[in-house]
Protein backbone atom coordinates (compact mmCIF):
# COMPACT_ATOMS: atom_id res chain seq x y z
CA MET A 1 -12.74 -14.48 -6.00
CA LYS A 2 -11.94 -15.17 -9.60
CA PHE A 3 -9.46 -13.12 -11.67
CA GLU A 4 -11.98 -11.99 -14.13
CA GLU A 5 -14.49 -11.02 -11.10
CA ARG A 6 -11.81 -8.73 -9.53
CA ILE A 7 -11.30 -7.13 -12.73
CA LEU A 8 -14.97 -6.62 -13.18
CA LEU A 9 -15.13 -5.02 -9.72
CA ASN A 10 -12.39 -2.35 -10.11
CA SER A 11 -12.65 -1.93 -13.80
CA ILE A 12 -13.33 2.06 -13.43
CA ARG A 13 -10.16 2.41 -11.59
CA PHE A 14 -7.69 1.18 -13.86
CA THR A 15 -5.26 3.16 -16.10
CA ASP A 16 -4.91 2.54 -19.74
CA MET A 17 -1.38 0.75 -18.99
CA GLU A 18 -3.12 -1.46 -16.31
CA ASP A 19 -5.93 -2.21 -18.70
CA ASP A 20 -2.90 -3.30 -21.27
CA ILE A 21 -1.47 -5.33 -18.31
CA ILE A 22 -4.32 -7.22 -17.31
CA ALA A 23 -5.33 -8.08 -20.93
CA TYR A 24 -1.81 -9.50 -21.23
CA LEU A 25 -2.57 -11.53 -18.07
CA LEU A 26 -5.79 -12.74 -19.30
CA GLU A 27 -4.16 -13.62 -22.47
CA TYR A 28 -1.55 -15.85 -20.98
CA ARG A 29 -3.26 -17.05 -17.70
CA ASP A 30 -2.76 -20.52 -18.66
CA ILE A 31 0.83 -20.34 -18.49
CA ILE A 32 0.82 -17.82 -15.58
CA ASP A 33 3.94 -19.52 -14.05
CA GLU A 34 6.05 -18.43 -16.79
CA VAL A 35 5.39 -14.61 -16.53
CA LYS A 36 7.89 -12.83 -14.44
CA ILE A 37 7.35 -9.71 -13.07
CA THR A 38 10.55 -8.12 -14.11
CA SER A 39 9.90 -9.41 -17.83
CA LEU A 40 6.06 -8.05 -17.48
CA ALA A 41 7.53 -4.57 -16.34
CA LYS A 42 9.92 -4.51 -19.33
CA ARG A 43 7.28 -5.39 -21.89
CA PHE A 44 5.07 -2.38 -20.70
CA PHE A 45 7.89 0.23 -20.26
CA THR A 46 7.41 0.35 -16.58
CA SER A 47 8.62 -0.70 -13.07
CA PRO A 48 7.92 -3.98 -10.97
CA ASN A 49 6.30 -1.80 -8.32
CA THR A 50 3.78 -0.63 -11.00
CA ILE A 51 2.56 -4.54 -11.29
CA VAL A 52 2.75 -4.89 -7.73
CA ARG A 53 0.20 -1.65 -7.12
CA LEU A 54 -1.84 -3.48 -9.85
CA ALA A 55 -1.91 -6.46 -7.88
CA HIS A 56 -3.14 -4.60 -4.75
CA LYS A 57 -5.87 -2.81 -6.78
CA LEU A 58 -7.01 -6.23 -7.43
CA GLY A 59 -7.09 -7.32 -3.97
CA TYR A 60 -4.13 -9.49 -3.87
CA SER A 61 -1.30 -9.23 -1.52
CA GLY A 62 1.21 -9.04 -4.30
CA PHE A 63 2.15 -10.43 -7.61
CA SER A 64 3.12 -13.84 -6.40
CA GLU A 65 -0.33 -14.28 -4.65
CA LEU A 66 -2.19 -13.35 -8.22
CA LYS A 67 -0.17 -15.87 -10.07
CA TYR A 68 -0.94 -18.49 -7.53
CA LEU A 69 -4.49 -17.89 -7.37
CA ILE A 70 -4.81 -17.62 -11.01
CA LYS A 71 -3.13 -21.07 -11.13
CA GLN A 72 -5.70 -22.29 -8.75
CA GLU A 73 -8.50 -21.22 -10.85
CA ASN A 74 -7.22 -22.89 -13.75
CA LYS A 75 -7.28 -25.99 -12.09
CA HIS A 76 -10.83 -25.72 -10.59
CA THR A 77 -13.18 -24.03 -13.07
CA ASN A 78 -16.42 -25.24 -11.42
CA TYR A 79 -18.07 -22.83 -8.84
CA ASP A 80 -20.22 -24.17 -5.99
CA ASN A 81 -23.59 -22.24 -5.99
CA GLU A 82 -24.74 -23.57 -2.88
CA ASP A 83 -26.35 -20.92 -0.38
CA LYS A 84 -23.22 -20.65 1.89
CA SER A 85 -20.84 -20.32 -1.24
CA VAL A 86 -22.90 -17.58 -2.56
CA LEU A 87 -22.88 -15.63 0.68
CA LEU A 88 -19.12 -16.30 1.09
CA LYS A 89 -18.82 -14.58 -2.47
CA ASN A 90 -20.52 -11.60 -1.32
CA PHE A 91 -18.58 -11.19 1.68
CA GLU A 92 -15.47 -11.30 -0.72
CA ILE A 93 -16.95 -8.60 -2.89
CA ILE A 94 -17.60 -6.22 0.42
CA ASP A 95 -14.00 -7.01 1.24
CA THR A 96 -12.52 -6.30 -2.01
CA LYS A 97 -14.67 -3.09 -3.01
CA ASP A 98 -13.51 0.54 -2.15
CA ASN A 99 -16.74 2.83 -1.81
CA TYR A 100 -15.05 5.77 -1.01
CA GLU A 101 -15.94 7.92 -4.14
CA ILE A 102 -19.68 6.70 -4.17
CA LEU A 103 -19.79 7.88 -0.59
CA GLU A 104 -18.39 11.05 -1.64
CA GLN A 105 -21.31 11.27 -4.19
CA LEU A 106 -23.95 10.58 -1.66
CA ILE A 107 -22.70 13.17 0.86
CA ASN A 108 -22.19 16.00 -1.53
CA THR A 109 -25.71 15.56 -3.39
CA ALA A 110 -28.70 16.93 -2.18
CA ARG A 111 -30.92 14.08 -2.94
CA ILE A 112 -30.31 10.36 -3.21
CA ASN A 113 -32.83 8.51 -5.56
CA PHE A 114 -33.55 4.82 -6.00
CA TYR A 115 -35.12 2.80 -8.80
CA SER A 116 -36.17 -0.82 -9.32
CA ILE A 117 -38.65 -2.81 -10.40
CA GLY A 118 -40.30 -6.22 -10.02
CA GLN A 119 -39.55 -8.60 -7.06
CA THR A 120 -36.27 -6.34 -6.62
CA ALA A 121 -38.30 -3.25 -5.61
CA TYR A 122 -39.40 -4.78 -2.29
CA VAL A 123 -35.98 -5.16 -1.42
CA THR A 124 -34.84 -1.64 -2.74
CA LYS A 125 -37.84 -0.11 -0.31
CA VAL A 126 -35.85 -1.84 2.50
CA ILE A 127 -32.74 -0.42 1.68
CA VAL A 128 -34.35 3.28 1.11
CA ASP A 129 -35.99 3.31 4.57
CA ASN A 130 -32.46 2.72 6.40
CA PHE A 131 -30.81 5.33 4.12
CA TYR A 132 -33.57 7.87 4.79
CA SER A 133 -33.21 7.21 8.72
CA ILE A 134 -29.83 8.95 8.24
CA ASP A 135 -30.30 12.34 6.64
CA TYR A 136 -33.84 12.39 5.17
CA LYS A 137 -32.60 12.79 1.71
CA SER A 138 -33.20 9.31 0.11
CA PHE A 139 -36.19 8.49 -1.92
CA PHE A 140 -37.63 5.40 -3.76
CA TYR A 141 -39.69 5.76 -6.95
CA ASN A 142 -42.27 3.23 -7.85
CA TYR A 143 -43.33 4.42 -11.12
CA PRO A 144 -41.07 5.43 -14.19
CA ASN A 145 -42.84 8.79 -14.61
CA GLU A 146 -42.03 9.96 -11.03
CA LEU A 147 -38.30 9.13 -11.68
CA ASN A 148 -38.53 10.88 -15.22
CA HIS A 149 -39.86 14.14 -13.79
CA VAL A 150 -36.65 14.07 -11.25
CA ILE A 151 -34.42 13.47 -14.23
CA THR A 152 -35.87 16.12 -16.39
CA HIS A 153 -36.39 18.77 -13.86
CA GLY A 154 -33.37 17.91 -11.30
CA ASN A 155 -29.96 19.19 -11.02
CA ASN A 156 -26.98 16.95 -10.24
CA GLU A 157 -29.08 14.08 -8.96
CA VAL A 158 -27.53 10.91 -7.77
CA ILE A 159 -29.77 7.71 -8.92
CA PHE A 160 -29.22 4.36 -8.10
CA PHE A 161 -30.56 1.48 -10.37
CA ILE A 162 -30.81 -1.66 -8.86
CA SER A 163 -31.30 -4.81 -11.03
CA LEU A 164 -29.63 -8.00 -10.84
CA SER A 165 -30.00 -8.99 -14.66
CA GLY A 166 -29.15 -5.53 -15.70
CA GLN A 167 -31.17 -5.81 -18.74
CA LYS A 168 -34.77 -4.43 -17.72
CA GLU A 169 -35.37 -2.08 -20.97
CA GLN A 170 -37.28 0.12 -18.56
CA LEU A 171 -34.29 0.73 -16.42
CA LEU A 172 -32.19 0.96 -19.17
CA LYS A 173 -34.03 3.93 -20.96
CA LEU A 174 -34.50 5.59 -17.58
CA ALA A 175 -30.33 5.31 -17.14
CA ARG A 176 -29.91 6.71 -20.47
CA GLU A 177 -32.11 9.50 -19.77
CA ALA A 178 -30.38 10.23 -16.56
CA LYS A 179 -26.90 10.02 -18.32
CA ASN A 180 -28.43 12.38 -21.09
CA TYR A 181 -29.29 14.91 -18.11
CA GLY A 182 -25.89 14.77 -16.71
CA HIS A 183 -27.02 13.08 -13.63
CA THR A 184 -24.54 10.48 -11.63
CA VAL A 185 -25.80 6.97 -12.16
CA ILE A 186 -24.81 4.23 -9.80
CA THR A 187 -25.75 0.63 -10.53
CA LEU A 188 -26.00 -2.46 -8.41
CA THR A 189 -26.19 -5.82 -10.72
CA HIS A 190 -25.23 -9.55 -10.67
CA LEU A 191 -21.43 -9.88 -10.96
CA ASN A 192 -21.35 -9.79 -14.79
CA LYS A 193 -21.12 -7.56 -17.78
CA ASN A 194 -24.44 -6.24 -18.80
CA PRO A 195 -26.20 -3.09 -20.19
CA LEU A 196 -26.87 -1.42 -17.19
CA THR A 197 -23.17 -1.28 -15.94
CA SER A 198 -22.11 0.22 -19.05
CA MET A 199 -23.89 3.25 -18.16
CA GLY A 200 -22.92 3.65 -14.70
CA ASP A 201 -20.72 6.41 -13.39
CA PHE A 202 -19.92 3.94 -10.38
CA ASN A 203 -21.06 0.52 -10.51
CA LEU A 204 -21.77 -1.93 -7.28
CA PHE A 205 -21.99 -5.52 -7.84
CA CYS A 206 -23.45 -8.68 -5.73
CA PHE A 207 -23.02 -12.38 -6.49
CA SER A 208 -26.64 -13.71 -7.18
CA PRO A 209 -26.79 -15.93 -10.32
CA GLU A 210 -30.40 -16.30 -11.82
CA GLN A 211 -32.33 -19.25 -10.31
CA ARG A 212 -35.77 -20.43 -11.78
CA ILE A 213 -38.56 -23.03 -10.82
CA GLU A 214 -40.19 -23.47 -14.19
CA GLU A 215 -41.08 -20.22 -15.41
CA TYR A 216 -40.68 -18.64 -11.94
CA ASN A 217 -37.60 -16.35 -11.12
CA VAL A 218 -36.67 -17.44 -7.90
CA THR A 219 -33.34 -15.72 -7.83
CA ASP A 220 -31.91 -14.87 -4.18
CA LYS A 221 -32.40 -11.14 -3.37
CA THR A 222 -30.55 -11.36 -0.26
CA PRO A 223 -27.02 -10.40 -1.75
CA ILE A 224 -28.64 -7.05 -2.53
CA LEU A 225 -29.27 -6.36 0.84
CA LEU A 226 -25.77 -7.56 2.00
CA ILE A 227 -23.95 -4.98 -0.31
CA MET A 228 -26.30 -2.30 0.35
CA ASN A 229 -26.39 -2.63 3.96
CA ASN A 230 -22.51 -2.43 3.99
CA LEU A 231 -22.68 0.83 2.00
CA PHE A 232 -25.64 2.24 4.45
CA LYS A 233 -23.10 1.49 7.34
CA GLN A 234 -20.10 3.07 5.62
CA TYR A 235 -22.45 6.09 4.96
CA ALA A 236 -23.79 6.44 8.52
CA HIS A 237 -20.08 6.21 9.73
CA ARG A 238 -18.83 8.88 7.27
CA LEU A 239 -21.67 11.19 8.78
CA GLY A 240 -20.88 10.43 12.35
CA LYS A 241 -24.07 8.39 12.89
CA THR A 242 -24.15 5.59 15.35
CA ILE A 243 -26.14 2.61 14.77
CA ASN A 244 -26.84 1.15 18.18
CA ILE A 245 -27.81 -2.60 19.01
CA VAL A 246 -30.80 -2.58 21.39
């Protein structure tokens, strides 16, 4: 997984100092070999252990691996978008992402709401059926007026907005409304910066670049299922539910 993608996955977790250190590493990534951990620590008036903890937060074994992998990325800028590579990228995201805070939100809320539109809605409905089997408090909304009623009349709701592009105006409008009413917004989008993630209290990502055949959007929806199925299994485990293979 690329350095910038690791940053995006963990952006909510960084302190102000960590944000500054990351900005410095991004600026000097082309000469990353020359960046020494002791000099970096002195520059930000902190200790080398702080730098190591930041590397761990980003999913590296330490600062040395961070430097080595960034150096490798500098040599290989092209990414292979074949199906196998895309799936492997999503498994990397699963391995890197810590969902503890999201799971706490799901456990403590009275209702879990899901909303998506277009082709993504069909995938989301499958996901919601699985979540509903655990504790009967997950609901999918087909129409914006249905969710808007929940937003305006509910109390401390958790609302998932799932959109690969993160740019659908209908979702953005509802997400803004949910934020205005003080609900918890969780987003799932393709791994990039987009308008929807800027509204999320918690952001989930999958890797599924847009694909088209002429004017038809044929973007792979499988990554959505991979990420949400992982969250579903974690949620079941936290509630002591056993998923049996039959």
